[in-house]
Amino acid sequence: MQTTLDVQGMTCGHCKMAVEGALNELDGVSAVEVDLGTGKVTVTYDESQVTLEAMQEAIEDQGYDVAS
């Protein structure tokens, strides 16, 4: 399954790596693609292993806001 999250506050390569790293640590996440220009984060995941809430929480724990 794939979803796109709207993440605010990402401005640089470090931001991109922080978000990618946080999401990739979650069980069930197989791919993360961050577009700094649009603030969109596309996540490919197994919905039986990880929830949208868990992904949002992982991003927010890094200090970024996820628009719902």
Protein backbone atom coordinates (compact mmCIF):
# COMPACT_ATOMS: atom_id res chain seq x y z
CA MET A 1 0.00 0.00 0.00
CA GLN A 2 1.16 3.56 -0.62
CA THR A 3 0.23 6.87 0.97
CA THR A 4 1.42 10.46 0.64
CA LEU A 5 1.84 12.59 3.74
CA ASP A 6 2.03 16.38 3.74
CA VAL A 7 4.93 17.25 6.06
CA GLN A 8 5.64 20.84 7.06
CA GLY A 9 8.99 22.15 8.26
CA MET A 10 11.36 20.14 6.05
CA THR A 11 13.85 22.49 4.45
CA CYS A 12 17.14 20.65 3.87
CA GLY A 13 18.90 17.37 3.32
CA HIS A 14 19.15 16.76 7.05
CA CYS A 15 15.36 17.13 7.36
CA LYS A 16 14.91 14.66 4.53
CA MET A 17 17.27 12.14 6.13
CA ALA A 18 15.61 12.52 9.55
CA VAL A 19 12.14 11.82 8.15
CA GLU A 20 13.34 8.96 5.93
CA GLY A 21 15.28 7.43 8.80
CA ALA A 22 12.36 7.64 11.24
CA LEU A 23 9.97 6.02 8.78
CA ASN A 24 12.40 3.33 7.64
CA GLU A 25 12.83 2.22 11.26
CA LEU A 26 9.15 1.23 11.41
CA ASP A 27 8.32 -2.41 10.74
CA GLY A 28 6.31 -2.73 7.55
CA VAL A 29 7.69 0.37 5.78
CA SER A 30 9.39 -0.73 2.56
CA ALA A 31 10.10 2.58 0.80
CA VAL A 32 10.15 6.30 1.62
CA GLU A 33 10.40 9.10 -0.92
CA VAL A 34 10.73 12.69 0.32
CA ASP A 35 10.15 15.70 -1.95
CA LEU A 36 11.52 18.76 -0.15
CA GLY A 37 10.08 21.11 -2.77
CA THR A 38 6.49 20.12 -2.13
CA GLY A 39 6.79 18.77 1.41
CA LYS A 40 5.29 15.49 0.28
CA VAL A 41 6.47 12.19 1.72
CA THR A 42 5.38 9.08 -0.17
CA VAL A 43 5.50 5.92 1.92
CA THR A 44 5.13 2.37 0.66
CA TYR A 45 4.13 0.08 3.50
CA ASP A 46 2.39 -3.10 4.64
CA GLU A 47 -0.84 -2.02 6.32
CA SER A 48 -0.93 -5.23 8.38
CA GLN A 49 2.33 -4.18 10.09
CA VAL A 50 2.20 -0.39 10.47
CA THR A 51 -0.53 2.24 10.85
CA LEU A 52 -0.81 5.72 9.39
CA GLU A 53 -0.87 7.04 12.97
CA ALA A 54 2.47 5.36 13.71
CA MET A 55 4.02 6.95 10.62
CA GLN A 56 2.69 10.39 11.55
CA GLU A 57 3.96 9.98 15.11
CA ALA A 58 7.43 8.96 13.86
CA ILE A 59 7.61 12.13 11.74
CA GLU A 60 6.29 14.34 14.54
CA ASP A 61 8.86 12.84 16.93
CA GLN A 62 11.51 14.27 14.58
CA GLY A 63 10.03 17.76 15.06
CA TYR A 64 7.95 18.12 11.89
CA ASP A 65 4.22 18.66 11.50
CA VAL A 66 2.05 16.31 9.46
CA ALA A 67 -0.99 17.97 7.93
CA SER A 68 -4.04 15.75 8.04
